[in-house]
N, C-alpha and C. Protein backbone atom coordinates (compact mmCIF):
# COMPACT_ATOMS: atom_id res chain seq x y z
N UNK A 1 0.73 -1.46 0.20
CA UNK A 1 0.08 0.06 -0.17
C UNK A 1 0.82 1.00 -0.07
N UNK A 2 1.95 1.33 0.95
CA UNK A 2 2.64 2.30 0.84
C UNK A 2 3.46 2.75 -0.48
N UNK A 3 3.75 1.42 -1.36
CA UNK A 3 4.40 1.81 -2.69
C UNK A 3 3.52 2.64 -3.46
N UNK A 4 2.08 2.23 -3.52
CA UNK A 4 1.46 2.71 -4.16
C UNK A 4 1.19 4.41 -4.00
N UNK A 5 0.90 4.42 -2.84
CA UNK A 5 0.72 6.03 -2.09
C UNK A 5 2.06 6.86 -2.73
N UNK A 6 2.94 6.42 -2.38
CA UNK A 6 4.34 7.06 -3.15
C UNK A 6 4.31 7.27 -4.58
N UNK A 7 3.72 6.10 -5.19
CA UNK A 7 3.74 6.38 -6.65
C UNK A 7 2.84 7.37 -7.07
N UNK A 8 1.51 7.22 -6.23
CA UNK A 8 0.45 8.38 -6.94
C UNK A 8 1.08 9.69 -6.59
N UNK A 9 1.44 9.80 -5.33
CA UNK A 9 1.93 11.23 -5.04
C UNK A 9 2.97 11.80 -6.16
N UNK A 10 3.82 11.08 -6.50
CA UNK A 10 5.20 11.31 -7.22
C UNK A 10 4.51 11.51 -8.91
N UNK A 11 3.50 10.47 -9.10
CA UNK A 11 3.10 10.68 -10.73
C UNK A 11 1.90 11.17 -10.79
N UNK A 12 0.89 10.45 -10.43
CA UNK A 12 -0.93 10.72 -10.64
C UNK A 12 -1.16 12.09 -10.26
N UNK A 13 -0.92 12.42 -8.79
CA UNK A 13 -1.12 13.63 -8.18
C UNK A 13 -1.00 14.76 -8.95
N UNK A 14 0.29 15.10 -9.38
CA UNK A 14 0.79 16.24 -10.15
C UNK A 14 -0.22 16.40 -11.41
N UNK A 15 -0.72 15.33 -11.97
CA UNK A 15 -1.51 15.50 -13.18
C UNK A 15 -2.99 16.02 -12.91
N UNK A 16 -3.52 15.46 -11.67
CA UNK A 16 -4.72 15.77 -11.35
C UNK A 16 -4.63 17.67 -10.94
N UNK A 17 -3.46 17.73 -10.28
CA UNK A 17 -3.44 19.10 -9.75
C UNK A 17 -3.34 19.92 -11.06
N UNK A 18 -2.51 19.60 -11.87
CA UNK A 18 -2.38 20.31 -13.22
C UNK A 18 -4.01 20.40 -14.07
N UNK A 19 -4.79 19.50 -13.90
CA UNK A 19 -5.90 19.61 -14.76
C UNK A 19 -6.83 20.57 -14.00
N UNK A 20 -6.90 20.57 -12.53
CA UNK A 20 -7.65 21.30 -11.98
C UNK A 20 -7.40 22.86 -12.05
N UNK A 21 -5.95 23.15 -12.03
CA UNK A 21 -5.48 24.44 -12.02
C UNK A 21 -6.04 25.06 -13.49
N UNK A 22 -5.62 24.22 -14.44
CA UNK A 22 -6.39 24.74 -15.78
C UNK A 22 -7.61 25.09 -15.78
N UNK A 23 -8.30 24.06 -15.24
CA UNK A 23 -9.82 24.45 -15.00
C UNK A 23 -10.12 25.73 -14.12
N UNK A 24 -9.40 25.97 -13.20
CA UNK A 24 -9.85 26.99 -12.40
C UNK A 24 -9.22 28.21 -13.40
N UNK A 25 -7.99 28.08 -13.83
CA UNK A 25 -7.51 29.29 -14.56
C UNK A 25 -8.66 29.72 -15.76
N UNK A 26 -9.03 28.79 -16.51
CA UNK A 26 -9.98 28.79 -17.58
C UNK A 26 -11.34 29.35 -16.88
N UNK A 27 -12.14 29.20 -15.88
CA UNK A 27 -12.94 29.62 -15.58
C UNK A 27 -12.71 31.04 -15.17
N UNK A 28 -11.73 31.30 -14.32
CA UNK A 28 -11.56 32.63 -13.91
C UNK A 28 -11.17 33.45 -15.19
N UNK A 29 -10.30 32.99 -16.11
CA UNK A 29 -10.28 33.83 -17.15
C UNK A 29 -11.28 34.40 -18.07
N UNK A 30 -12.13 33.28 -18.28
CA UNK A 30 -13.42 33.61 -19.23
C UNK A 30 -14.48 34.64 -18.16
N UNK A 31 -14.51 34.60 -16.97
CA UNK A 31 -15.31 35.20 -15.66
C UNK A 31 -14.89 36.70 -16.01
N UNK A 32 -13.50 36.87 -15.89
CA UNK A 32 -12.94 38.16 -15.83
C UNK A 32 -12.74 38.78 -17.22
N UNK A 33 -12.18 38.40 -18.19
CA UNK A 33 -11.94 38.72 -19.73
C UNK A 33 -13.41 38.94 -20.15
N UNK A 34 -14.14 38.04 -20.21
CA UNK A 34 -15.31 38.13 -21.04
C UNK A 34 -16.77 38.32 -20.26
N UNK A 35 -16.58 38.53 -18.73
CA UNK A 35 -17.71 38.81 -18.21
C UNK A 35 -19.02 37.63 -18.13
N UNK A 36 -18.46 36.61 -18.38
CA UNK A 36 -19.39 35.13 -18.51
C UNK A 36 -19.75 35.00 -16.97
N UNK A 37 -20.86 34.29 -17.00
CA UNK A 37 -21.22 33.79 -15.63
C UNK A 37 -20.36 32.69 -15.28
N UNK A 38 -20.20 32.17 -14.13
CA UNK A 38 -19.33 31.11 -13.81
C UNK A 38 -19.61 29.91 -14.48
N UNK A 39 -21.09 29.35 -14.72
CA UNK A 39 -21.16 28.35 -15.46
C UNK A 39 -21.10 28.26 -16.91
N UNK A 40 -21.27 29.54 -17.38
CA UNK A 40 -20.89 29.81 -18.63
C UNK A 40 -19.27 29.42 -19.13
N UNK A 41 -18.68 30.18 -18.08
CA UNK A 41 -17.11 30.12 -18.14
C UNK A 41 -16.73 28.67 -18.23
N UNK A 42 -17.21 28.03 -17.13
CA UNK A 42 -16.85 26.47 -16.82
C UNK A 42 -17.11 25.75 -17.94
N UNK A 43 -18.58 26.09 -18.69
CA UNK A 43 -18.83 25.37 -19.87
C UNK A 43 -17.74 25.35 -21.10
N UNK A 44 -17.47 26.75 -21.08
CA UNK A 44 -16.27 27.14 -22.22
C UNK A 44 -14.99 26.42 -22.04
N UNK A 45 -14.88 26.57 -20.77
CA UNK A 45 -13.41 25.88 -20.26
C UNK A 45 -13.33 24.18 -20.81
N UNK A 46 -14.25 23.95 -20.41
CA UNK A 46 -14.65 22.17 -20.70
C UNK A 46 -14.57 21.84 -22.02
N UNK A 47 -15.43 22.77 -22.68
CA UNK A 47 -15.66 22.35 -24.49
C UNK A 47 -14.38 22.85 -25.08
N UNK A 48 -13.50 23.48 -24.47
CA UNK A 48 -12.52 24.11 -24.98
C UNK A 48 -11.00 23.01 -24.77
N UNK A 49 -11.00 22.78 -23.59
CA UNK A 49 -9.81 21.63 -23.20
C UNK A 49 -10.50 20.17 -23.71
N UNK A 50 -11.56 19.85 -23.80
CA UNK A 50 -11.79 18.48 -23.97
C UNK A 50 -11.80 18.49 -25.97
N UNK A 51 -11.83 19.76 -26.46
CA UNK A 51 -11.61 19.76 -28.12
C UNK A 51 -12.96 19.47 -28.85
N UNK A 52 -14.25 19.69 -27.76
CA UNK A 52 -15.21 19.25 -28.38
C UNK A 52 -15.80 20.49 -29.01
N UNK A 53 -15.59 21.75 -28.70
CA UNK A 53 -15.78 23.03 -29.17
C UNK A 53 -17.00 23.04 -30.03
N UNK A 54 -18.24 22.98 -29.28
CA UNK A 54 -19.48 23.14 -29.92
C UNK A 54 -19.79 24.56 -30.55
N UNK A 55 -19.90 25.64 -29.82
CA UNK A 55 -19.63 26.75 -30.11
C UNK A 55 -19.65 27.68 -29.12
N UNK A 56 -19.01 28.91 -29.41
CA UNK A 56 -19.01 29.82 -28.05
C UNK A 56 -20.40 30.24 -27.31
N UNK A 57 -20.37 30.58 -25.91
CA UNK A 57 -21.38 30.54 -25.47
C UNK A 57 -21.97 32.29 -25.71
N UNK A 58 -20.75 33.05 -25.88
CA UNK A 58 -21.00 34.39 -26.27
C UNK A 58 -19.95 34.71 -27.22
N UNK A 59 -19.86 35.71 -28.21
CA UNK A 59 -19.09 36.13 -29.05
C UNK A 59 -17.97 36.76 -28.23
N UNK A 60 -16.64 35.97 -28.36
CA UNK A 60 -15.50 36.43 -28.01
C UNK A 60 -14.85 37.49 -28.59
N UNK A 61 -14.27 38.52 -27.77
CA UNK A 61 -13.63 39.42 -28.12
C UNK A 61 -11.95 39.06 -28.26
N UNK A 62 -11.01 40.17 -28.69
CA UNK A 62 -9.77 39.75 -28.91
C UNK A 62 -9.10 39.12 -27.66
N UNK A 63 -9.13 39.41 -26.29
CA UNK A 63 -8.81 38.95 -25.40
C UNK A 63 -9.32 37.68 -24.94
N UNK A 64 -10.60 37.41 -25.36
CA UNK A 64 -10.99 36.20 -25.08
C UNK A 64 -10.60 35.12 -26.20
N UNK A 65 -10.38 35.58 -27.36
CA UNK A 65 -9.77 34.69 -28.25
C UNK A 65 -8.49 34.15 -28.07
N UNK A 66 -7.34 35.11 -27.61
CA UNK A 66 -6.18 34.76 -27.07
C UNK A 66 -6.01 33.67 -26.02
N UNK A 67 -6.97 34.14 -25.13
CA UNK A 67 -7.19 33.21 -23.88
C UNK A 67 -7.48 32.18 -24.31
N UNK A 68 -8.30 31.75 -25.32
CA UNK A 68 -8.92 30.58 -25.62
C UNK A 68 -7.81 29.63 -26.02
N UNK A 69 -6.75 30.21 -27.02
CA UNK A 69 -5.57 29.67 -27.44
C UNK A 69 -4.92 29.24 -26.38
N UNK A 70 -4.65 30.07 -25.41
CA UNK A 70 -3.65 29.57 -24.17
C UNK A 70 -4.37 28.33 -23.64
N UNK A 71 -5.71 28.07 -23.36
CA UNK A 71 -6.27 27.16 -22.85
C UNK A 71 -6.02 25.96 -23.57
N UNK A 72 -6.30 26.10 -24.85
CA UNK A 72 -6.10 24.91 -25.79
C UNK A 72 -4.65 24.55 -25.69
N UNK A 73 -3.65 25.22 -25.72
CA UNK A 73 -2.18 24.89 -25.85
C UNK A 73 -1.90 24.05 -24.34
N UNK A 74 -2.39 24.95 -23.17
CA UNK A 74 -2.12 24.40 -22.01
C UNK A 74 -2.95 23.07 -21.80
N UNK A 75 -4.12 22.84 -22.26
CA UNK A 75 -4.91 21.64 -22.20
C UNK A 75 -4.09 20.74 -23.20
N UNK A 76 -3.48 20.76 -24.06
CA UNK A 76 -2.51 19.83 -24.88
C UNK A 76 -1.50 19.47 -24.03
N UNK A 77 -1.07 20.49 -23.05
CA UNK A 77 0.36 20.40 -22.82
C UNK A 77 -0.10 19.30 -21.43
N UNK A 78 -1.24 19.47 -20.59
CA UNK A 78 -1.55 18.74 -19.48
C UNK A 78 -1.93 17.30 -20.22
N UNK A 79 -2.24 16.92 -21.22
CA UNK A 79 -2.87 15.80 -21.89
C UNK A 79 -1.32 15.16 -22.04
N UNK A 80 -0.58 15.74 -22.86
CA UNK A 80 0.83 15.29 -23.09
C UNK A 80 1.79 14.83 -21.83
N UNK A 81 1.53 15.46 -20.75
CA UNK A 81 2.28 15.18 -19.59
C UNK A 81 1.27 14.11 -18.68
N UNK A 82 0.23 14.05 -19.01
CA UNK A 82 -0.36 12.73 -18.49
C UNK A 82 -0.17 11.70 -19.09
N UNK A 83 0.03 11.71 -20.28
CA UNK A 83 0.31 10.49 -21.40
C UNK A 83 1.80 10.17 -21.09
N UNK A 84 2.65 11.12 -20.70
CA UNK A 84 4.18 10.91 -20.26
C UNK A 84 4.38 10.38 -18.85
N UNK A 85 3.25 10.56 -17.95
CA UNK A 85 3.30 9.70 -16.93
C UNK A 85 3.01 8.20 -16.97
């Protein structure tokens, strides 16, 4: 059991933290930059990270588009990190 715990803390836990941090940054960014409600910001973040990308909840300005690019790249980085672990 101790061996599993050490491995989890060393390998899997950072992936979970990175994914949750990206989710928090995404929600906060859309909320602040685009004035979206927290639910709309969460929805935008999830569809962007998951690459589903149905459509934007609200039309995005230049800052929102740049932020979306950041979220896409960061999401790909988290997935690559997960696959590398």
